N, C-alpha and C. Protein backbone atom coordinates (compact mmCIF):
# COMPACT_ATOMS: atom_id res chain seq x y z
N MET A 1 9.89 10.01 -12.04
CA MET A 1 9.34 10.86 -10.89
C MET A 1 8.24 11.41 -11.37
N ILE A 2 7.22 11.65 -10.54
CA ILE A 2 5.99 12.54 -10.74
C ILE A 2 6.00 13.53 -9.53
N ARG A 3 5.43 14.78 -9.79
CA ARG A 3 5.14 15.64 -9.02
C ARG A 3 3.74 15.83 -8.35
N VAL A 4 3.63 15.73 -7.25
CA VAL A 4 2.58 15.43 -6.53
C VAL A 4 2.15 16.80 -5.63
N GLY A 5 0.77 16.95 -5.38
CA GLY A 5 0.24 18.33 -4.67
C GLY A 5 0.12 17.81 -3.23
N ASN A 6 -0.18 16.70 -2.76
CA ASN A 6 0.02 16.07 -1.58
C ASN A 6 0.37 14.96 -1.31
N LEU A 7 1.56 15.12 -0.59
CA LEU A 7 2.74 13.80 -0.51
C LEU A 7 2.16 12.61 0.24
N ASP A 8 1.12 13.10 1.28
CA ASP A 8 0.78 12.26 2.34
C ASP A 8 -0.22 11.46 1.77
N LYS A 9 -1.17 11.94 0.91
CA LYS A 9 -2.29 11.26 0.04
C LYS A 9 -1.52 10.61 -1.15
N SER A 10 -0.75 10.90 -1.34
CA SER A 10 -0.19 10.07 -2.86
C SER A 10 0.67 8.96 -2.12
N ILE A 11 1.55 9.24 -1.13
CA ILE A 11 2.21 8.03 -0.48
C ILE A 11 1.12 7.04 -0.03
N GLU A 12 -0.02 7.58 0.54
CA GLU A 12 -1.02 6.58 0.97
C GLU A 12 -1.48 5.81 -0.34
N PHE A 13 -1.79 6.39 -1.17
CA PHE A 13 -2.57 5.75 -2.41
C PHE A 13 -1.58 4.74 -3.07
N TYR A 14 -0.12 4.94 -3.39
CA TYR A 14 0.66 4.01 -3.63
C TYR A 14 0.97 3.14 -2.91
N THR A 15 1.17 3.15 -1.49
CA THR A 15 1.20 1.97 -0.29
C THR A 15 -0.11 1.37 0.05
N GLU A 16 -1.09 2.16 0.47
CA GLU A 16 -2.47 1.33 0.85
C GLU A 16 -3.26 0.74 -0.41
N LEU A 17 -3.37 1.44 -1.53
CA LEU A 17 -3.94 0.94 -2.69
C LEU A 17 -3.38 0.13 -3.82
N LEU A 18 -2.15 0.25 -3.66
CA LEU A 18 -1.08 -0.54 -5.16
C LEU A 18 -0.26 -1.17 -4.21
N GLY A 19 -0.28 -1.15 -3.09
CA GLY A 19 0.80 -2.30 -2.13
C GLY A 19 2.35 -2.01 -2.30
N MET A 20 2.62 -0.71 -2.82
CA MET A 20 4.11 -0.28 -2.52
C MET A 20 4.63 -0.03 -1.37
N LYS A 21 5.83 0.13 -0.98
CA LYS A 21 6.48 0.32 0.36
C LYS A 21 7.37 1.49 -0.06
N LEU A 22 7.19 2.54 1.31
CA LEU A 22 7.90 3.83 1.21
C LEU A 22 9.22 3.28 1.77
N ILE A 23 10.10 3.75 0.76
CA ILE A 23 11.71 3.07 0.87
C ILE A 23 12.53 4.18 1.68
N LYS A 24 12.25 5.67 1.32
CA LYS A 24 12.91 6.79 1.77
C LYS A 24 12.15 7.71 1.54
N LYS A 25 12.17 8.86 2.67
CA LYS A 25 11.60 10.08 2.44
C LYS A 25 12.49 11.08 2.77
N LYS A 26 12.63 12.30 2.24
CA LYS A 26 13.75 13.22 2.80
C LYS A 26 13.49 14.56 2.33
N ASP A 27 13.58 15.33 3.17
CA ASP A 27 13.16 17.05 3.18
C ASP A 27 14.59 17.64 2.69
N TYR A 28 14.39 18.48 1.57
CA TYR A 28 15.27 19.28 1.11
C TYR A 28 14.96 20.89 1.08
N PRO A 29 15.27 21.17 2.62
CA PRO A 29 14.76 22.74 3.05
C PRO A 29 15.24 23.81 2.19
N HIS A 30 16.76 23.69 1.65
CA HIS A 30 17.28 24.38 0.69
C HIS A 30 16.69 24.90 -0.61
N GLY A 31 16.05 23.89 -1.23
CA GLY A 31 15.30 23.76 -2.37
C GLY A 31 13.84 23.73 -1.98
N GLU A 32 13.29 23.66 -1.04
CA GLU A 32 11.77 23.70 -0.67
C GLU A 32 10.81 22.73 -1.17
N PHE A 33 11.65 21.25 -1.14
CA PHE A 33 10.84 20.21 -1.70
C PHE A 33 11.00 18.98 -0.74
N THR A 34 10.20 17.96 -0.79
CA THR A 34 10.68 16.66 -0.16
C THR A 34 10.45 15.68 -1.27
N LEU A 35 11.27 14.67 -1.13
CA LEU A 35 11.23 13.22 -2.10
C LEU A 35 10.90 12.22 -1.47
N ALA A 36 9.80 11.30 -2.02
CA ALA A 36 9.76 10.27 -1.52
C ALA A 36 9.83 9.08 -2.60
N PHE A 37 10.58 7.91 -2.18
CA PHE A 37 10.88 7.00 -3.11
C PHE A 37 9.98 5.62 -2.55
N LEU A 38 9.58 5.05 -3.39
CA LEU A 38 8.43 3.99 -3.42
C LEU A 38 9.25 2.69 -4.43
N SER A 39 8.81 1.28 -3.66
CA SER A 39 9.28 0.19 -4.43
C SER A 39 8.09 -0.79 -3.94
N PHE A 40 8.24 -2.00 -4.62
CA PHE A 40 7.28 -3.13 -4.26
C PHE A 40 8.00 -4.05 -3.04
N ASP A 41 9.33 -3.56 -3.15
CA ASP A 41 10.28 -4.63 -2.15
C ASP A 41 10.85 -3.60 -1.38
N GLU A 42 10.88 -3.87 0.20
CA GLU A 42 11.35 -2.64 1.00
C GLU A 42 12.99 -2.86 0.69
N ASN A 43 13.28 -3.92 0.44
CA ASN A 43 14.94 -4.33 0.25
C ASN A 43 15.52 -3.59 -0.92
N ASP A 44 14.83 -3.12 -2.04
CA ASP A 44 15.28 -2.71 -3.14
C ASP A 44 16.11 -1.53 -2.80
N LYS A 45 17.48 -1.64 -3.45
CA LYS A 45 18.45 -0.55 -3.30
C LYS A 45 18.00 0.51 -4.21
N GLU A 46 17.40 0.12 -5.71
CA GLU A 46 17.09 1.35 -6.49
C GLU A 46 15.55 1.36 -6.25
N PRO A 47 14.87 2.82 -6.04
CA PRO A 47 13.50 2.86 -6.12
C PRO A 47 12.91 2.71 -7.25
N PHE A 48 11.72 2.41 -7.21
CA PHE A 48 10.87 2.21 -8.17
C PHE A 48 10.15 3.34 -8.79
N LEU A 49 9.89 4.07 -7.84
CA LEU A 49 9.07 5.24 -8.17
C LEU A 49 9.22 6.27 -7.35
N GLU A 50 9.72 7.63 -7.67
CA GLU A 50 10.05 9.09 -7.22
C GLU A 50 8.70 9.82 -7.31
N LEU A 51 8.35 10.29 -5.90
CA LEU A 51 7.43 11.15 -5.90
C LEU A 51 8.10 12.49 -5.29
N THR A 52 7.81 13.76 -5.90
CA THR A 52 8.17 15.02 -5.65
C THR A 52 7.25 16.09 -5.21
N TYR A 53 7.27 16.43 -3.81
CA TYR A 53 6.42 17.42 -3.28
C TYR A 53 7.50 18.96 -3.40
N ASN A 54 6.92 19.74 -4.25
CA ASN A 54 7.34 21.34 -4.14
C ASN A 54 6.76 21.81 -2.88
N TRP A 55 7.18 22.43 -2.04
CA TRP A 55 6.57 23.01 -0.77
C TRP A 55 5.59 23.90 -1.38
N GLY A 56 4.44 24.15 -1.11
CA GLY A 56 3.46 25.30 -1.24
C GLY A 56 2.69 25.15 -2.68
N ILE A 57 2.91 24.17 -3.56
CA ILE A 57 2.17 23.50 -4.47
C ILE A 57 1.27 22.65 -4.72
N SER A 58 0.20 22.83 -4.68
CA SER A 58 -0.83 21.79 -4.55
C SER A 58 -1.42 21.06 -5.66
N ASN A 59 -1.18 21.50 -6.74
CA ASN A 59 -1.52 20.90 -7.96
C ASN A 59 -0.63 21.29 -9.04
N TYR A 60 -0.59 20.28 -10.12
CA TYR A 60 -0.04 20.50 -11.68
C TYR A 60 -1.10 20.35 -12.59
N GLU A 61 -0.42 20.91 -13.78
CA GLU A 61 -1.05 20.52 -14.94
C GLU A 61 -0.57 19.03 -15.46
N ILE A 62 -1.16 18.08 -15.61
CA ILE A 62 -0.15 17.02 -16.04
C ILE A 62 0.41 17.14 -17.58
N GLY A 63 -0.13 17.59 -18.57
CA GLY A 63 0.56 17.85 -19.94
C GLY A 63 0.13 16.55 -20.64
N LYS A 64 0.57 16.96 -22.06
CA LYS A 64 0.26 16.19 -23.07
C LYS A 64 1.57 15.05 -23.18
N GLY A 65 2.48 15.39 -22.61
CA GLY A 65 3.72 14.45 -22.81
C GLY A 65 3.71 13.21 -22.22
N PHE A 66 2.91 13.54 -20.85
CA PHE A 66 2.92 12.21 -20.07
C PHE A 66 1.64 11.10 -20.41
N GLY A 67 2.01 9.93 -20.19
CA GLY A 67 1.25 9.11 -20.84
C GLY A 67 0.54 8.46 -19.36
N HIS A 68 1.08 7.35 -19.15
CA HIS A 68 0.77 6.84 -17.54
C HIS A 68 1.86 5.97 -17.30
N ILE A 69 1.70 5.69 -15.78
CA ILE A 69 2.63 4.64 -15.31
C ILE A 69 1.97 3.50 -15.24
N ALA A 70 2.72 2.28 -15.66
CA ALA A 70 2.45 0.95 -16.10
C ALA A 70 2.89 0.07 -14.99
N LEU A 71 2.26 -0.78 -14.34
CA LEU A 71 2.57 -1.67 -13.14
C LEU A 71 2.07 -3.28 -13.44
N GLY A 72 3.22 -4.08 -13.50
CA GLY A 72 2.60 -5.58 -13.71
C GLY A 72 2.15 -6.17 -12.54
N VAL A 73 0.87 -6.54 -12.39
CA VAL A 73 0.32 -7.32 -11.17
C VAL A 73 -0.15 -8.71 -11.39
N GLU A 74 0.00 -9.38 -10.20
CA GLU A 74 -0.41 -10.91 -10.17
C GLU A 74 -1.78 -11.22 -10.39
N ASN A 75 -2.46 -10.33 -9.88
CA ASN A 75 -4.13 -10.70 -9.86
C ASN A 75 -5.08 -9.52 -10.05
N ILE A 76 -4.98 -9.08 -11.26
CA ILE A 76 -5.55 -7.58 -11.65
C ILE A 76 -7.17 -7.65 -11.25
N PHE A 77 -7.66 -8.56 -10.97
CA PHE A 77 -9.28 -8.74 -10.88
C PHE A 77 -9.34 -8.29 -9.42
N ALA A 78 -8.83 -9.04 -8.41
CA ALA A 78 -8.81 -9.04 -7.05
C ALA A 78 -8.05 -7.51 -6.51
N ILE A 79 -6.94 -7.11 -7.26
CA ILE A 79 -6.64 -5.72 -6.93
C ILE A 79 -7.48 -4.81 -7.18
N CYS A 80 -8.06 -4.84 -8.24
CA CYS A 80 -9.11 -3.60 -8.78
C CYS A 80 -10.21 -3.66 -7.52
N ASP A 81 -10.60 -5.03 -7.39
CA ASP A 81 -11.94 -5.23 -6.13
C ASP A 81 -11.36 -4.31 -4.70
N GLU A 82 -10.02 -4.68 -4.67
CA GLU A 82 -9.32 -4.06 -3.28
C GLU A 82 -9.08 -2.52 -3.25
N ILE A 83 -8.89 -2.31 -4.66
CA ILE A 83 -8.81 -0.83 -4.57
C ILE A 83 -10.19 0.12 -4.63
N LYS A 84 -11.13 -0.61 -5.27
CA LYS A 84 -12.41 0.17 -5.12
C LYS A 84 -12.80 -0.04 -3.76
N THR A 85 -12.62 -1.06 -2.98
CA THR A 85 -13.21 -1.28 -1.63
C THR A 85 -12.65 -0.10 -0.64
N LYS A 86 -11.06 0.19 -1.11
CA LYS A 86 -10.56 1.36 -0.41
C LYS A 86 -10.71 2.70 -0.80
N GLY A 87 -11.87 2.68 -1.71
CA GLY A 87 -12.09 4.17 -2.22
C GLY A 87 -11.39 4.54 -3.19
N GLY A 88 -10.45 3.96 -4.04
CA GLY A 88 -9.79 4.04 -5.04
C GLY A 88 -10.57 4.24 -6.19
N LYS A 89 -10.11 5.09 -7.45
CA LYS A 89 -10.86 5.30 -8.49
C LYS A 89 -10.59 4.67 -9.65
N ILE A 90 -11.26 3.65 -10.01
CA ILE A 90 -10.97 2.60 -11.25
C ILE A 90 -11.34 3.51 -12.51
N THR A 91 -10.54 3.90 -13.53
CA THR A 91 -11.14 4.43 -14.62
C THR A 91 -11.33 3.44 -15.94
N ARG A 92 -10.74 2.53 -15.83
CA ARG A 92 -11.18 1.44 -16.79
C ARG A 92 -11.04 0.02 -15.94
N GLU A 93 -12.30 -0.50 -15.89
CA GLU A 93 -12.37 -1.98 -15.49
C GLU A 93 -11.33 -3.10 -15.98
N PRO A 94 -11.06 -3.91 -15.56
CA PRO A 94 -10.28 -4.92 -15.86
C PRO A 94 -10.60 -5.56 -17.25
N GLY A 95 -9.81 -5.78 -18.22
CA GLY A 95 -10.39 -6.45 -19.48
C GLY A 95 -9.21 -6.54 -20.34
N PRO A 96 -9.64 -7.05 -21.45
CA PRO A 96 -8.67 -7.22 -22.72
C PRO A 96 -8.42 -5.90 -23.30
N MET A 97 -7.12 -5.56 -23.69
CA MET A 97 -6.63 -4.45 -24.32
C MET A 97 -7.23 -4.61 -25.95
N LYS A 98 -7.84 -3.77 -26.62
CA LYS A 98 -8.16 -3.91 -27.96
C LYS A 98 -7.28 -4.78 -28.73
N GLY A 99 -7.54 -5.52 -29.55
CA GLY A 99 -6.96 -6.28 -30.40
C GLY A 99 -5.60 -7.06 -29.88
N SER A 100 -5.85 -7.44 -28.52
CA SER A 100 -4.85 -7.88 -27.72
C SER A 100 -5.35 -9.18 -26.81
N THR A 101 -4.66 -10.10 -26.42
CA THR A 101 -5.11 -11.02 -25.33
C THR A 101 -4.76 -10.43 -23.96
N SER A 102 -3.55 -9.11 -23.91
CA SER A 102 -3.29 -8.63 -22.61
C SER A 102 -4.51 -8.20 -21.76
N ILE A 103 -4.55 -8.37 -20.58
CA ILE A 103 -5.67 -7.80 -19.58
C ILE A 103 -5.13 -6.64 -18.50
N LEU A 104 -5.75 -5.50 -18.92
CA LEU A 104 -5.17 -4.49 -18.18
C LEU A 104 -6.42 -3.66 -17.60
N ALA A 105 -6.10 -2.80 -16.57
CA ALA A 105 -7.12 -1.76 -15.99
C ALA A 105 -6.38 -0.35 -15.93
N PHE A 106 -7.11 0.67 -15.33
CA PHE A 106 -6.41 1.66 -15.14
C PHE A 106 -7.12 2.32 -13.74
N VAL A 107 -6.47 2.99 -13.04
CA VAL A 107 -6.50 3.50 -11.98
C VAL A 107 -6.10 4.93 -11.82
N GLU A 108 -6.70 5.79 -11.13
CA GLU A 108 -6.47 7.41 -11.09
C GLU A 108 -5.76 7.55 -9.66
N ASP A 109 -4.70 8.14 -9.37
CA ASP A 109 -4.05 8.53 -8.31
C ASP A 109 -4.50 10.10 -7.91
N PRO A 110 -4.40 10.16 -6.85
CA PRO A 110 -5.06 11.55 -5.97
C PRO A 110 -4.60 12.82 -7.06
N ASP A 111 -3.59 13.07 -7.86
CA ASP A 111 -3.27 13.95 -8.48
C ASP A 111 -3.97 13.92 -9.79
N GLY A 112 -4.19 12.72 -10.15
CA GLY A 112 -4.76 12.63 -11.60
C GLY A 112 -4.05 11.88 -12.44
N TYR A 113 -2.91 11.44 -12.27
CA TYR A 113 -2.06 10.51 -12.81
C TYR A 113 -2.97 9.23 -13.01
N LYS A 114 -2.88 8.77 -14.56
CA LYS A 114 -3.36 7.39 -14.81
C LYS A 114 -2.38 6.24 -14.60
N VAL A 115 -2.66 5.39 -13.66
CA VAL A 115 -1.73 4.25 -13.65
C VAL A 115 -2.62 2.78 -14.06
N GLU A 116 -1.54 2.20 -15.17
CA GLU A 116 -1.93 1.26 -15.91
C GLU A 116 -1.51 0.09 -15.00
N LEU A 117 -2.70 -0.99 -14.67
CA LEU A 117 -2.54 -2.12 -14.22
C LEU A 117 -2.40 -3.43 -15.21
N LEU A 118 -1.41 -4.09 -15.45
CA LEU A 118 -1.18 -5.24 -16.23
C LEU A 118 -1.10 -6.35 -15.85
N GLN A 119 -1.80 -7.45 -16.14
CA GLN A 119 -1.95 -8.55 -15.53
C GLN A 119 -0.75 -9.30 -16.34
N ARG A 120 0.18 -10.06 -15.08
CA ARG A 120 1.31 -10.79 -15.49
C ARG A 120 1.07 -12.15 -15.46
């Protein structure tokens, strides 16, 4: 779960740029928050990622304990090209991880969270 400052913008990022599907979105008026659940497969019973929007809070300090979200992808170069075409921010272009043959890239979501893309 990550807390986001603009739920619509975050849902757009994860669905339009990273190809996830919005599985469920629910308001909780008693607690003044909304939850959105996303996955890569719209038939998943268990969501992959939970976004929490606390009403009236537009940004958060990310903090030192959080590293990044990591997602395995099939064609990292094509995905990064598409992300750039759609206006997404690539903070590390696809390439080998230092001391490894793993190919990875990093993209930043609208709240500044880092998302690692790892070639599968």
